[in-house]
Amino acid sequence: MGALVAILVVVVLMFLGVPVVFSFAAMTLALSLIYGIEISSLMTTGFWAVNSVILLALPLFIMTGYVLQTGGLARRLIDFVEALVGNSKSGMGASMIVACAIFGAISGTASAAVAAIGRIMVDPMERHGYDRGYVAALLGASSLLGLLIPPSITMILFAVVTRQSVTACFLATVGPGILLMILLIIYNAIRIRMGGERPEQTVPVADRWQNVGSAGWKALPALMMPVIILGGIYGGFFTPTEAAAIALVYAIPVGMFIYRDLDLKGLFDCVVQAAATTGVIMVILVFSFIASRIFTMERIPQEMTGFLFEIFESPTAILVAVNLFLIALGMIMDDVSIIAITGPLLLPVMTEIGVEPVHFAAIIGMSVVIGCNTPPMAPILFLSCRVGNVGMSRVTKPALQLIFFTALPVQIAVTFWPGLSLFLPRALGYL
């Protein structure tokens, strides 16, 4: 009961507009009062938990995302992808989806993809016949590939709060991420063919390969980033934290000296924005670790496991209930908050019914993807509306259609087909 009260405190306060950090502080205070624990005695638990080399990857990847936006790397990536797949009628939509996937393989965030790619592609897509509301919905859904395709800040947080391997969690969401990308491309093509949108052809066939070569050459420094990051991590050359540092060290000179879109003022602005974002996440994690310690001391996960087994008769029913719970939370909370609260709370329940921790990482990742793009809160979808300068009323219907026909099938596959998320970790020796 105490855990449910704590979650309710966070949800209500966030719904009332209280900043996330203060909402988590109130949750921790509520737990300490319910169970009669002196919270000051647990502050060192939170401090030492965030004093982690693994967490150094967070500010570095966040900073890299801001540099990509400001330094011109995102634009070159989009130009290359559009030249490669943008010739067909559905090509511009496919370009956005693939660009978000590549961007996710560099920055690890959804919001950075919305800001960087949305500002470049929304207006041109509307000029070529796409409905602006559909473009914003597609941008919101596509940007969430950044939460699945590694490196993923969401998976780093999950690995830290549940004491799992970061690399194994990265690998667990590769299959779901690729499957979601393919379904988004197929859905967009079917929508175009059925007359939902009627965009014009964007690139003459005769000029296509010449444009691909030119755009590819210009985008080569940017395209090398995911190769360096992912190749280095999975090749065993460096850790995810070292990969984040290398990505940032690589992105800054590319933006400043090759593309020349990044100046000292822009770099300073990136540092300020990354510091602010990182500060919020780290304070949330401090309170999350304190709450997790209280959960452990009071045996709350064990009580929750027993409670669920009393209500539901089978592991399958528990899996469905947990999925619905995570999606509902995602509709009103951001991904960091969901991971911080539910990761340590629900993992014991999942392991009790035979779900591998790394498999649960993929389940919770897909749940966040669906929730973050589903009203009423839908933080990523609202950001897409702001970037696309379009009202929520025009975006809601296409967004729900995208979720129903693309994200939900992937969620079902991830939940009931463990091999989709466990194949790569096992093949590379992380399980």
Protein backbone atom coordinates (compact mmCIF):
# COMPACT_ATOMS: atom_id res chain seq x y z
CA MET A 1 0.00 0.00 0.00
CA GLY A 2 2.84 2.39 0.82
CA ALA A 3 4.33 2.02 -2.67
CA LEU A 4 0.97 2.76 -4.30
CA VAL A 5 0.53 5.84 -2.12
CA ALA A 6 4.02 7.02 -3.10
CA ILE A 7 3.30 6.58 -6.81
CA LEU A 8 -0.03 8.38 -6.35
CA VAL A 9 1.77 11.29 -4.69
CA VAL A 10 4.11 11.66 -7.67
CA VAL A 11 1.29 11.38 -10.23
CA VAL A 12 -0.99 13.90 -8.49
CA LEU A 13 1.77 16.44 -7.94
CA MET A 14 3.01 16.19 -11.52
CA PHE A 15 -0.56 16.48 -12.79
CA LEU A 16 -0.93 19.69 -10.74
CA GLY A 17 2.18 21.10 -12.38
CA VAL A 18 4.69 20.60 -9.57
CA PRO A 19 8.22 20.18 -10.99
CA VAL A 20 9.32 16.57 -11.30
CA VAL A 21 12.20 16.97 -8.85
CA PHE A 22 9.94 18.25 -6.06
CA SER A 23 7.38 15.55 -6.85
CA PHE A 24 10.01 12.88 -6.27
CA ALA A 25 11.15 14.58 -3.07
CA ALA A 26 7.54 14.50 -1.84
CA MET A 27 7.30 10.81 -2.75
CA THR A 28 10.37 9.99 -0.68
CA LEU A 29 9.08 12.06 2.24
CA ALA A 30 5.72 10.26 2.05
CA LEU A 31 7.45 6.88 2.17
CA SER A 32 9.55 7.89 5.18
CA LEU A 33 6.44 9.07 7.06
CA ILE A 34 4.39 5.97 6.17
CA TYR A 35 7.07 3.57 7.36
CA GLY A 36 8.48 5.72 10.16
CA ILE A 37 12.00 5.95 8.72
CA GLU A 38 14.34 8.87 9.44
CA ILE A 39 15.01 10.14 5.94
CA SER A 40 18.26 11.89 6.87
CA SER A 41 19.80 8.48 7.59
CA LEU A 42 19.14 7.46 3.97
CA MET A 43 20.53 10.55 2.21
CA THR A 44 23.98 8.99 1.97
CA THR A 45 22.38 6.02 0.17
CA GLY A 46 21.18 8.31 -2.59
CA PHE A 47 24.48 10.16 -2.78
CA TRP A 48 26.66 7.05 -3.07
CA ALA A 49 24.28 5.47 -5.58
CA VAL A 50 24.69 8.37 -8.05
CA ASN A 51 28.44 8.49 -7.42
CA SER A 52 28.86 6.11 -10.34
CA VAL A 53 31.15 6.02 -13.37
CA ILE A 54 28.29 4.56 -15.41
CA LEU A 55 26.17 7.66 -14.81
CA LEU A 56 28.88 9.85 -16.35
CA ALA A 57 27.48 8.65 -19.68
CA LEU A 58 24.28 10.64 -19.06
CA PRO A 59 25.64 14.20 -19.24
CA LEU A 60 27.99 13.21 -22.06
CA PHE A 61 25.27 11.72 -24.28
CA ILE A 62 22.90 14.58 -23.42
CA MET A 63 25.57 17.11 -24.33
CA THR A 64 26.26 15.20 -27.57
CA GLY A 65 22.58 15.48 -28.49
CA TYR A 66 22.62 19.25 -28.08
CA VAL A 67 25.83 19.53 -30.12
CA LEU A 68 24.22 17.48 -32.91
CA GLN A 69 21.32 19.93 -33.04
CA THR A 70 23.48 23.04 -33.04
CA GLY A 71 26.49 21.82 -34.98
CA GLY A 72 24.77 20.93 -38.26
CA LEU A 73 25.27 17.17 -37.96
CA ALA A 74 21.53 16.50 -37.79
CA ARG A 75 20.88 18.44 -41.01
CA ARG A 76 23.53 16.51 -42.96
CA LEU A 77 22.11 13.21 -41.71
CA ILE A 78 18.63 14.19 -42.85
CA ASP A 79 19.89 15.36 -46.26
CA PHE A 80 21.61 12.01 -46.80
CA VAL A 81 18.63 9.91 -45.68
CA GLU A 82 16.24 11.97 -47.81
CA ALA A 83 18.48 11.56 -50.86
CA LEU A 84 18.63 7.82 -50.20
CA VAL A 85 14.95 7.02 -49.61
CA GLY A 86 13.11 10.23 -50.38
CA ASN A 87 12.40 9.61 -54.05
CA SER A 88 9.09 7.75 -53.66
CA LYS A 89 5.85 9.39 -52.62
CA SER A 90 6.23 8.06 -49.12
CA GLY A 91 9.94 8.81 -49.13
CA MET A 92 9.89 11.95 -46.99
CA GLY A 93 8.02 10.13 -44.24
CA ALA A 94 10.49 7.26 -44.45
CA SER A 95 13.31 9.81 -44.37
CA MET A 96 12.03 11.22 -41.09
CA ILE A 97 11.71 7.75 -39.55
CA VAL A 98 15.19 6.60 -40.59
CA ALA A 99 16.75 9.93 -39.61
CA CYS A 100 15.24 9.60 -36.12
CA ALA A 101 16.64 6.06 -35.88
CA ILE A 102 20.13 7.22 -36.84
CA PHE A 103 19.86 10.20 -34.54
CA GLY A 104 18.85 7.85 -31.73
CA ALA A 105 21.99 5.80 -32.41
CA ILE A 106 24.02 8.91 -31.59
CA SER A 107 22.21 10.97 -28.94
CA GLY A 108 20.09 8.40 -27.07
CA THR A 109 17.15 10.74 -26.47
CA ALA A 110 13.72 11.33 -28.01
CA SER A 111 13.38 15.02 -27.22
CA ALA A 112 16.64 15.85 -29.03
CA ALA A 113 15.39 14.05 -32.14
CA VAL A 114 12.09 15.95 -32.05
CA ALA A 115 13.85 19.30 -31.75
CA ALA A 116 16.60 18.63 -34.29
CA ILE A 117 14.70 16.73 -36.98
CA GLY A 118 11.30 18.37 -36.51
CA ARG A 119 12.61 21.87 -37.12
CA ILE A 120 14.19 20.74 -40.38
CA MET A 121 11.52 18.44 -41.84
CA VAL A 122 8.03 19.54 -40.76
CA ASP A 123 7.68 22.53 -43.11
CA PRO A 124 9.15 20.80 -46.20
CA MET A 125 6.89 17.78 -45.67
CA GLU A 126 3.83 20.00 -45.48
CA ARG A 127 4.89 21.78 -48.67
CA HIS A 128 5.09 18.40 -50.41
CA GLY A 129 1.53 17.50 -49.50
CA TYR A 130 1.68 15.90 -46.05
CA ASP A 131 -0.92 16.91 -43.49
CA ARG A 132 0.85 18.87 -40.74
CA GLY A 133 -0.98 17.03 -37.97
CA TYR A 134 0.11 13.67 -39.35
CA VAL A 135 3.70 14.90 -39.70
CA ALA A 136 3.78 15.93 -36.03
CA ALA A 137 2.34 12.55 -34.99
CA LEU A 138 4.87 10.68 -37.13
CA LEU A 139 7.67 12.82 -35.69
CA GLY A 140 6.58 11.95 -32.15
CA ALA A 141 6.42 8.22 -32.87
CA SER A 142 9.69 8.16 -34.83
CA SER A 143 11.65 10.17 -32.28
CA LEU A 144 10.94 7.50 -29.67
CA LEU A 145 13.24 5.18 -31.59
CA GLY A 146 15.93 7.08 -29.71
CA LEU A 147 14.73 5.38 -26.50
CA LEU A 148 15.18 1.93 -28.07
CA ILE A 149 18.09 2.07 -30.49
CA PRO A 150 21.32 2.24 -28.47
CA PRO A 151 22.87 4.14 -26.94
CA SER A 152 19.70 4.89 -24.95
CA ILE A 153 19.63 7.13 -21.90
CA THR A 154 16.49 5.29 -20.77
CA MET A 155 18.36 1.98 -20.79
CA ILE A 156 21.33 3.50 -18.95
CA LEU A 157 18.95 4.61 -16.20
CA PHE A 158 17.26 1.20 -16.07
CA ALA A 159 20.62 -0.57 -15.82
CA VAL A 160 21.74 1.72 -13.00
CA VAL A 161 18.60 1.52 -10.85
CA THR A 162 18.28 -2.27 -11.29
CA ARG A 163 22.01 -3.12 -11.19
CA GLN A 164 22.09 -4.68 -14.67
CA SER A 165 24.67 -4.56 -17.46
CA VAL A 166 24.30 -1.38 -19.51
CA THR A 167 25.49 -3.10 -22.68
CA ALA A 168 23.05 -5.99 -22.21
CA CYS A 169 20.17 -3.51 -21.80
CA PHE A 170 21.32 -1.68 -24.93
CA LEU A 171 21.25 -4.92 -26.91
CA ALA A 172 17.83 -5.91 -25.56
CA THR A 173 16.10 -3.00 -27.30
CA VAL A 174 17.84 -3.29 -30.69
CA GLY A 175 15.36 -5.86 -32.03
CA PRO A 176 12.24 -3.98 -30.84
CA GLY A 177 13.67 -0.71 -32.16
CA ILE A 178 14.36 -2.09 -35.63
CA LEU A 179 10.94 -3.79 -35.74
CA LEU A 180 9.20 -0.55 -34.75
CA MET A 181 11.13 1.38 -37.42
CA ILE A 182 10.10 -1.12 -40.10
CA LEU A 183 6.43 -1.02 -39.05
CA LEU A 184 6.44 2.80 -39.07
CA ILE A 185 7.84 2.83 -42.62
CA ILE A 186 5.27 0.25 -43.77
CA TYR A 187 2.40 2.13 -42.10
CA ASN A 188 3.49 5.40 -43.71
CA ALA A 189 3.71 3.77 -47.16
CA ILE A 190 0.27 2.17 -46.78
CA ARG A 191 -1.25 5.47 -45.64
CA ILE A 192 0.17 7.22 -48.69
CA ARG A 193 -1.06 4.49 -51.06
CA MET A 194 -4.55 4.55 -49.53
CA GLY A 195 -4.76 8.28 -50.10
CA GLY A 196 -4.39 9.45 -46.52
CA GLU A 197 -1.69 11.83 -47.72
CA ARG A 198 -0.79 12.85 -51.28
CA PRO A 199 2.75 14.21 -51.25
CA GLU A 200 4.51 15.08 -54.46
CA GLN A 201 7.60 13.28 -55.73
CA THR A 202 10.59 15.02 -54.15
CA VAL A 203 13.65 13.99 -56.19
CA PRO A 204 13.78 13.26 -59.95
CA VAL A 205 14.90 9.68 -60.60
CA ALA A 206 17.73 10.76 -62.92
CA ASP A 207 19.31 12.87 -60.20
CA ARG A 208 18.82 10.41 -57.36
CA TRP A 209 22.17 8.63 -57.24
CA GLN A 210 24.10 11.81 -57.88
CA ASN A 211 22.29 13.38 -54.92
CA VAL A 212 22.94 10.29 -52.77
CA GLY A 213 26.67 10.48 -53.47
CA SER A 214 26.88 14.19 -52.78
CA ALA A 215 24.75 14.05 -49.62
CA GLY A 216 26.58 10.94 -48.40
CA TRP A 217 29.97 12.63 -48.76
CA LYS A 218 28.78 15.67 -46.83
CA ALA A 219 27.17 13.50 -44.15
CA LEU A 220 30.14 11.11 -43.82
CA PRO A 221 31.58 12.73 -40.65
CA ALA A 222 28.14 12.57 -39.00
CA LEU A 223 27.50 9.01 -40.20
CA MET A 224 30.76 7.86 -38.62
CA MET A 225 29.44 8.67 -35.15
CA PRO A 226 27.08 5.68 -34.70
CA VAL A 227 29.74 3.44 -36.26
CA ILE A 228 32.32 4.63 -33.74
CA ILE A 229 29.94 4.50 -30.75
CA LEU A 230 28.25 1.16 -31.39
CA GLY A 231 31.24 -0.52 -32.99
CA GLY A 232 33.41 0.51 -30.07
CA ILE A 233 30.95 -0.69 -27.41
CA TYR A 234 30.07 -4.04 -28.96
CA GLY A 235 33.58 -4.61 -30.25
CA GLY A 236 34.83 -4.40 -26.69
CA PHE A 237 37.08 -1.41 -27.31
CA PHE A 238 35.44 0.84 -24.73
CA THR A 239 32.60 1.01 -22.21
CA PRO A 240 29.33 2.95 -22.76
CA THR A 241 30.71 5.78 -20.60
CA GLU A 242 33.89 5.96 -22.65
CA ALA A 243 31.78 5.81 -25.82
CA ALA A 244 29.80 8.84 -24.62
CA ALA A 245 33.02 10.78 -24.03
CA ILE A 246 34.40 9.81 -27.44
CA ALA A 247 31.12 10.80 -29.13
CA LEU A 248 31.25 14.26 -27.56
CA VAL A 249 34.95 14.77 -28.31
CA TYR A 250 34.24 13.76 -31.91
CA ALA A 251 31.05 15.85 -32.36
CA ILE A 252 32.46 19.18 -31.18
CA PRO A 253 35.30 19.54 -33.73
CA VAL A 254 33.07 18.17 -36.51
CA GLY A 255 30.47 20.84 -35.76
CA MET A 256 33.03 23.63 -35.31
CA PHE A 257 35.66 22.95 -37.97
CA ILE A 258 34.10 20.68 -40.62
CA TYR A 259 30.49 21.88 -40.81
CA ARG A 260 31.24 25.25 -39.14
CA ASP A 261 27.74 25.60 -37.74
CA LEU A 262 28.90 25.45 -34.12
CA ASP A 263 30.60 28.47 -32.57
CA LEU A 264 31.76 29.16 -29.02
CA LYS A 265 28.46 30.78 -28.04
CA GLY A 266 26.53 27.80 -29.38
CA LEU A 267 28.84 25.43 -27.52
CA PHE A 268 28.32 27.37 -24.28
CA ASP A 269 24.54 27.20 -24.76
CA CYS A 270 24.83 23.41 -25.27
CA VAL A 271 26.79 23.11 -22.01
CA VAL A 272 24.16 25.11 -20.09
CA GLN A 273 21.23 23.11 -21.49
CA ALA A 274 22.98 19.78 -20.89
CA ALA A 275 23.88 20.79 -17.32
CA ALA A 276 20.29 21.76 -16.56
CA THR A 277 18.88 18.53 -17.98
CA THR A 278 21.49 16.39 -16.22
CA GLY A 279 20.93 18.17 -12.91
CA VAL A 280 17.24 17.36 -12.95
CA ILE A 281 17.87 13.69 -13.80
CA MET A 282 20.52 13.27 -11.11
CA VAL A 283 18.34 14.74 -8.35
CA ILE A 284 15.48 12.48 -9.45
CA LEU A 285 17.85 9.52 -9.23
CA VAL A 286 18.95 10.48 -5.70
CA PHE A 287 15.37 10.36 -4.45
CA SER A 288 14.69 7.26 -6.53
CA PHE A 289 17.55 5.36 -4.90
CA ILE A 290 16.35 6.43 -1.45
CA ALA A 291 12.83 5.21 -2.30
CA SER A 292 14.29 1.97 -3.64
CA ARG A 293 16.16 1.47 -0.37
CA ILE A 294 12.91 1.93 1.56
CA PHE A 295 11.18 -0.55 -0.75
CA THR A 296 13.89 -3.11 0.03
CA MET A 297 13.88 -2.50 3.78
CA GLU A 298 10.10 -2.88 3.99
CA ARG A 299 9.98 -5.84 1.56
CA ILE A 300 7.51 -4.01 -0.65
CA PRO A 301 8.43 -5.85 -3.90
CA GLN A 302 7.82 -9.19 -2.18
CA GLU A 303 4.46 -8.00 -0.88
CA MET A 304 3.53 -6.75 -4.35
CA THR A 305 4.48 -10.10 -5.86
CA GLY A 306 2.24 -11.93 -3.41
CA PHE A 307 -0.58 -9.46 -4.02
CA LEU A 308 -0.42 -9.92 -7.79
CA PHE A 309 -0.39 -13.70 -7.48
CA GLU A 310 -3.51 -13.50 -5.31
CA ILE A 311 -5.35 -11.45 -7.93
CA PHE A 312 -4.08 -13.09 -11.13
CA GLU A 313 -3.86 -16.81 -11.67
CA SER A 314 -1.10 -16.97 -14.25
CA PRO A 315 2.19 -15.27 -15.17
CA THR A 316 0.64 -14.26 -18.49
CA ALA A 317 -2.09 -12.28 -16.72
CA ILE A 318 0.54 -10.59 -14.53
CA LEU A 319 2.54 -9.65 -17.63
CA VAL A 320 -0.55 -8.09 -19.22
CA ALA A 321 -1.37 -6.21 -16.00
CA VAL A 322 2.19 -4.89 -15.67
CA ASN A 323 2.18 -3.76 -19.31
CA LEU A 324 -1.09 -1.88 -18.87
CA PHE A 325 0.19 -0.31 -15.65
CA LEU A 326 3.42 0.87 -17.31
CA ILE A 327 1.58 2.26 -20.34
CA ALA A 328 -0.87 4.11 -18.07
CA LEU A 329 2.03 5.62 -16.13
CA GLY A 330 3.69 6.61 -19.40
CA MET A 331 0.60 8.56 -20.38
CA ILE A 332 1.08 10.93 -17.42
CA MET A 333 4.81 10.72 -16.58
CA ASP A 334 8.11 11.07 -18.43
CA ASP A 335 10.46 8.18 -19.16
CA VAL A 336 13.01 9.08 -16.47
CA SER A 337 10.33 9.14 -13.77
CA ILE A 338 8.84 5.81 -14.86
CA ILE A 339 12.21 4.04 -14.92
CA ALA A 340 13.22 5.51 -11.56
CA ILE A 341 10.01 4.40 -9.81
CA THR A 342 9.00 1.15 -11.44
CA GLY A 343 12.39 -0.38 -12.31
CA PRO A 344 13.42 -1.46 -8.80
CA LEU A 345 9.80 -1.94 -7.69
CA LEU A 346 8.62 -4.29 -10.44
CA LEU A 347 11.81 -6.16 -11.33
CA PRO A 348 11.41 -8.66 -8.42
CA VAL A 349 7.85 -9.34 -9.61
CA MET A 350 9.11 -10.03 -13.13
CA THR A 351 11.91 -12.33 -12.03
CA GLU A 352 9.46 -14.24 -9.83
CA ILE A 353 7.35 -15.16 -12.89
CA GLY A 354 10.41 -16.12 -14.92
CA VAL A 355 11.09 -12.91 -16.89
CA GLU A 356 14.79 -12.13 -17.39
CA PRO A 357 15.83 -8.67 -16.11
CA VAL A 358 17.14 -7.76 -19.57
CA HIS A 359 13.85 -8.89 -21.11
CA PHE A 360 12.03 -6.63 -18.65
CA ALA A 361 14.27 -3.76 -19.81
CA ALA A 362 12.83 -4.16 -23.32
CA ILE A 363 9.26 -4.43 -21.98
CA ILE A 364 9.55 -1.26 -19.93
CA GLY A 365 11.28 0.53 -22.82
CA MET A 366 8.41 -0.22 -25.21
CA SER A 367 5.85 0.73 -22.55
CA VAL A 368 7.53 4.12 -22.22
CA VAL A 369 7.47 4.53 -26.01
CA ILE A 370 3.70 3.98 -26.09
CA GLY A 371 2.94 6.06 -23.01
CA CYS A 372 5.04 9.06 -24.02
CA ASN A 373 3.04 9.39 -27.23
CA THR A 374 -0.44 8.77 -25.78
CA PRO A 375 -2.72 11.56 -24.41
CA PRO A 376 -3.60 13.01 -21.96
CA MET A 377 -0.04 14.03 -20.99
CA ALA A 378 2.00 12.54 -23.88
CA PRO A 379 5.16 14.61 -23.25
CA ILE A 380 6.89 13.72 -26.53
CA LEU A 381 3.72 14.24 -28.57
CA PHE A 382 3.19 17.68 -27.02
CA LEU A 383 6.80 18.56 -27.83
CA SER A 384 6.18 17.47 -31.43
CA CYS A 385 3.14 19.74 -31.55
CA ARG A 386 5.19 22.69 -30.32
CA VAL A 387 8.02 22.05 -32.76
CA GLY A 388 5.55 21.48 -35.60
CA ASN A 389 3.43 24.49 -34.59
CA VAL A 390 0.20 22.51 -34.79
CA GLY A 391 -2.69 22.00 -32.37
CA MET A 392 -3.09 18.82 -30.36
CA SER A 393 -6.56 18.26 -31.82
CA ARG A 394 -5.04 17.65 -35.28
CA VAL A 395 -2.40 15.29 -33.96
CA THR A 396 -4.32 13.04 -31.56
CA LYS A 397 -6.10 10.84 -34.13
CA PRO A 398 -3.06 10.05 -36.33
CA ALA A 399 -0.94 9.56 -33.19
CA LEU A 400 -3.36 6.98 -31.78
CA GLN A 401 -3.49 5.22 -35.16
CA LEU A 402 0.30 5.01 -35.23
CA ILE A 403 0.34 3.57 -31.73
CA PHE A 404 -2.36 0.99 -32.48
CA PHE A 405 -0.89 -0.24 -35.77
CA THR A 406 2.85 -0.03 -34.99
CA ALA A 407 3.82 0.36 -31.32
CA LEU A 408 1.24 -1.98 -29.76
CA PRO A 409 2.13 -4.93 -32.03
CA VAL A 410 5.80 -4.45 -31.10
CA GLN A 411 4.88 -4.28 -27.41
CA ILE A 412 2.98 -7.57 -27.68
CA ALA A 413 5.87 -9.18 -29.57
CA VAL A 414 8.42 -7.97 -27.01
CA THR A 415 6.33 -9.21 -24.08
CA PHE A 416 5.45 -12.68 -25.33
CA TRP A 417 8.44 -13.38 -27.60
CA PRO A 418 11.49 -13.13 -25.29
CA GLY A 419 13.85 -14.05 -28.12
CA LEU A 420 13.24 -10.69 -29.79
CA SER A 421 15.00 -8.90 -26.93
CA LEU A 422 17.27 -11.68 -25.62
CA PHE A 423 18.79 -12.95 -28.87
CA LEU A 424 21.55 -10.33 -29.17
CA PRO A 425 22.55 -10.28 -25.48
CA ARG A 426 22.86 -14.07 -25.55
CA ALA A 427 24.65 -14.17 -28.89
CA LEU A 428 27.26 -11.68 -27.70
CA GLY A 429 27.75 -13.35 -24.34
CA TYR A 430 26.02 -10.87 -22.00
CA LEU A 431 23.53 -13.48 -20.69
